[in-house]
Amino acid sequence: MKETTIADCKLIDLRKISDRRGNLTVIEGKQDIPFDAKRVYYLYDVPGGESRGAHAHKELQQLIIAANGSFTITLDDGTSKKSYTLNRPYQGLLIVPGIWRVLDDFSSGAVLLCLASEHYKEDDYIRNYKEFKKHKQ
């Protein structure tokens, strides 16, 4: 796992093209984000009070966007924590490898859109926080 901290994660303002007919946001790999997206998925209909995430990745990078509504992402590098509330469809949170994340406080109708740098690989996940802390030492 790469040596990373929450300081390596950042909010990215995406290009927003305003038009009276509706706005458009474009995300191009290696131009707007530092990777080509190999996997795209979205979360929706998260029941009130539920959380998602609670894992880290060894190699995967992600850009997470609130396509609709809002939610909070708490990042943890094993030493420090930082929370972000996402609520703009033209802004994404870049999460680098080696960062634990918890997603919660989903508003009604929230849709989380995720662009991932790699295809799904179960062995890239760290799902146990104690194991995550060992990897970070």
Protein backbone atom coordinates (compact mmCIF):
# COMPACT_ATOMS: atom_id res chain seq x y z
CA MET A 1 0.00 0.00 0.00
CA LYS A 2 1.29 3.45 -0.87
CA GLU A 3 2.29 5.85 1.88
CA THR A 4 -0.56 8.35 1.77
CA THR A 5 -2.31 10.72 4.14
CA ILE A 6 -5.61 12.56 4.03
CA ALA A 7 -3.61 15.56 2.75
CA ASP A 8 -3.25 13.64 -0.54
CA CYS A 9 -7.05 13.62 -0.95
CA LYS A 10 -8.69 16.74 -2.29
CA LEU A 11 -11.85 18.31 -3.59
CA ILE A 12 -11.79 18.79 -7.33
CA ASP A 13 -13.97 21.41 -9.00
CA LEU A 14 -15.11 19.89 -12.28
CA ARG A 15 -15.83 21.85 -15.42
CA LYS A 16 -19.39 23.16 -15.32
CA ILE A 17 -20.86 24.35 -18.59
CA SER A 18 -23.87 26.52 -17.81
CA ASP A 19 -26.70 26.71 -20.28
CA ARG A 20 -30.28 27.95 -19.90
CA ARG A 21 -31.39 24.46 -21.00
CA GLY A 22 -29.45 22.81 -18.17
CA ASN A 23 -25.91 22.45 -16.93
CA LEU A 24 -23.31 19.97 -18.14
CA THR A 25 -20.25 18.65 -16.32
CA VAL A 26 -17.56 16.70 -18.13
CA ILE A 27 -14.96 14.42 -16.52
CA GLU A 28 -12.11 13.26 -18.73
CA GLY A 29 -9.55 10.78 -17.43
CA LYS A 30 -6.01 12.08 -16.95
CA GLN A 31 -7.25 15.61 -17.69
CA ASP A 32 -9.81 16.38 -15.00
CA ILE A 33 -8.80 13.48 -12.74
CA PRO A 34 -5.40 11.77 -12.39
CA PHE A 35 -6.57 8.39 -13.74
CA ASP A 36 -8.67 6.81 -16.45
CA ALA A 37 -11.92 5.47 -15.00
CA LYS A 38 -12.13 1.71 -15.47
CA ARG A 39 -15.24 1.32 -13.33
CA VAL A 40 -18.22 3.57 -12.63
CA TYR A 41 -20.92 2.86 -10.09
CA TYR A 42 -23.51 4.72 -8.07
CA LEU A 43 -25.24 4.32 -4.71
CA TYR A 44 -28.82 5.41 -4.15
CA ASP A 45 -31.82 4.74 -1.90
CA VAL A 46 -29.56 4.54 1.17
CA PRO A 47 -31.96 4.30 4.15
CA GLY A 48 -31.84 7.10 6.73
CA GLY A 49 -29.22 6.50 9.40
CA GLU A 50 -27.29 3.93 7.36
CA SER A 51 -23.62 4.24 6.45
CA ARG A 52 -21.57 2.79 3.61
CA GLY A 53 -17.90 2.36 2.91
CA ALA A 54 -15.96 1.45 6.06
CA HIS A 55 -12.99 0.19 4.06
CA ALA A 56 -9.75 1.25 2.39
CA HIS A 57 -8.08 0.31 -0.88
CA LYS A 58 -4.49 -0.76 -1.42
CA GLU A 59 -4.14 0.57 -4.99
CA LEU A 60 -7.49 1.95 -6.18
CA GLN A 61 -8.12 5.68 -6.60
CA GLN A 62 -11.65 7.08 -6.64
CA LEU A 63 -13.47 10.28 -7.47
CA ILE A 64 -16.72 10.48 -5.51
CA ILE A 65 -19.44 12.93 -6.54
CA ALA A 66 -22.84 13.80 -5.08
CA ALA A 67 -24.80 13.49 -8.34
CA ASN A 68 -27.93 14.35 -6.33
CA GLY A 69 -28.55 15.34 -2.72
CA SER A 70 -25.80 15.23 -0.15
CA PHE A 71 -23.76 12.95 2.10
CA THR A 72 -20.67 13.09 4.29
CA ILE A 73 -17.39 11.26 3.69
CA THR A 74 -15.02 10.88 6.62
CA LEU A 75 -11.45 10.06 5.60
CA ASP A 76 -8.93 8.47 7.95
CA ASP A 77 -5.24 7.83 7.24
CA GLY A 78 -4.63 6.00 10.51
CA THR A 79 -3.41 9.16 12.23
CA SER A 80 -5.79 11.96 11.22
CA LYS A 81 -9.41 12.23 10.15
CA LYS A 82 -11.21 14.77 7.99
CA SER A 83 -14.85 14.99 6.92
CA TYR A 84 -16.27 16.41 3.71
CA THR A 85 -19.90 17.10 2.91
CA LEU A 86 -20.53 16.64 -0.79
CA ASN A 87 -23.59 18.37 -2.25
CA ARG A 88 -22.59 19.78 -5.65
CA PRO A 89 -22.71 17.65 -8.82
CA TYR A 90 -19.80 19.63 -10.31
CA GLN A 91 -17.42 18.85 -7.44
CA GLY A 92 -15.79 15.54 -6.56
CA LEU A 93 -13.60 14.20 -3.80
CA LEU A 94 -10.43 12.46 -4.96
CA ILE A 95 -9.54 9.60 -2.61
CA VAL A 96 -6.08 8.08 -3.00
CA PRO A 97 -5.07 4.53 -2.00
CA GLY A 98 -4.46 3.77 1.67
CA ILE A 99 -7.27 5.92 3.07
CA TRP A 100 -10.12 4.53 5.19
CA ARG A 101 -13.49 6.03 4.34
CA VAL A 102 -16.96 6.06 5.89
CA LEU A 103 -19.96 7.49 4.04
CA ASP A 104 -22.99 8.63 6.02
CA ASP A 105 -25.59 11.36 6.52
CA PHE A 106 -27.23 10.60 3.17
CA SER A 107 -30.03 13.03 2.36
CA SER A 108 -33.30 11.75 0.95
CA GLY A 109 -32.81 11.08 -2.75
CA ALA A 110 -29.00 11.24 -2.56
CA VAL A 111 -27.09 9.61 -5.40
CA LEU A 112 -23.37 8.96 -4.96
CA LEU A 113 -21.46 8.58 -8.23
CA CYS A 114 -18.02 6.93 -8.10
CA LEU A 115 -15.34 6.78 -10.79
CA ALA A 116 -12.70 4.17 -9.95
CA SER A 117 -9.22 3.75 -11.38
CA GLU A 118 -9.40 -0.05 -11.50
CA HIS A 119 -11.85 -2.87 -12.07
CA TYR A 120 -13.30 -4.54 -8.96
CA LYS A 121 -10.77 -6.73 -7.15
CA GLU A 122 -11.72 -8.07 -3.73
CA ASP A 123 -8.06 -8.42 -2.71
CA ASP A 124 -7.60 -4.63 -3.10
CA TYR A 125 -10.03 -4.00 -0.21
CA ILE A 126 -9.11 -3.72 3.46
CA ARG A 127 -12.41 -4.17 5.31
CA ASN A 128 -11.13 -4.52 8.88
CA TYR A 129 -10.00 -1.34 10.63
CA LYS A 130 -7.40 -3.11 12.78
CA GLU A 131 -5.90 -4.66 9.64
CA PHE A 132 -5.91 -1.21 8.02
CA LYS A 133 -3.97 0.25 10.97
CA LYS A 134 -1.37 -2.57 10.62
CA HIS A 135 -0.95 -1.77 6.91
CA LYS A 136 -0.37 1.90 7.71
CA GLN A 137 2.42 1.23 10.24
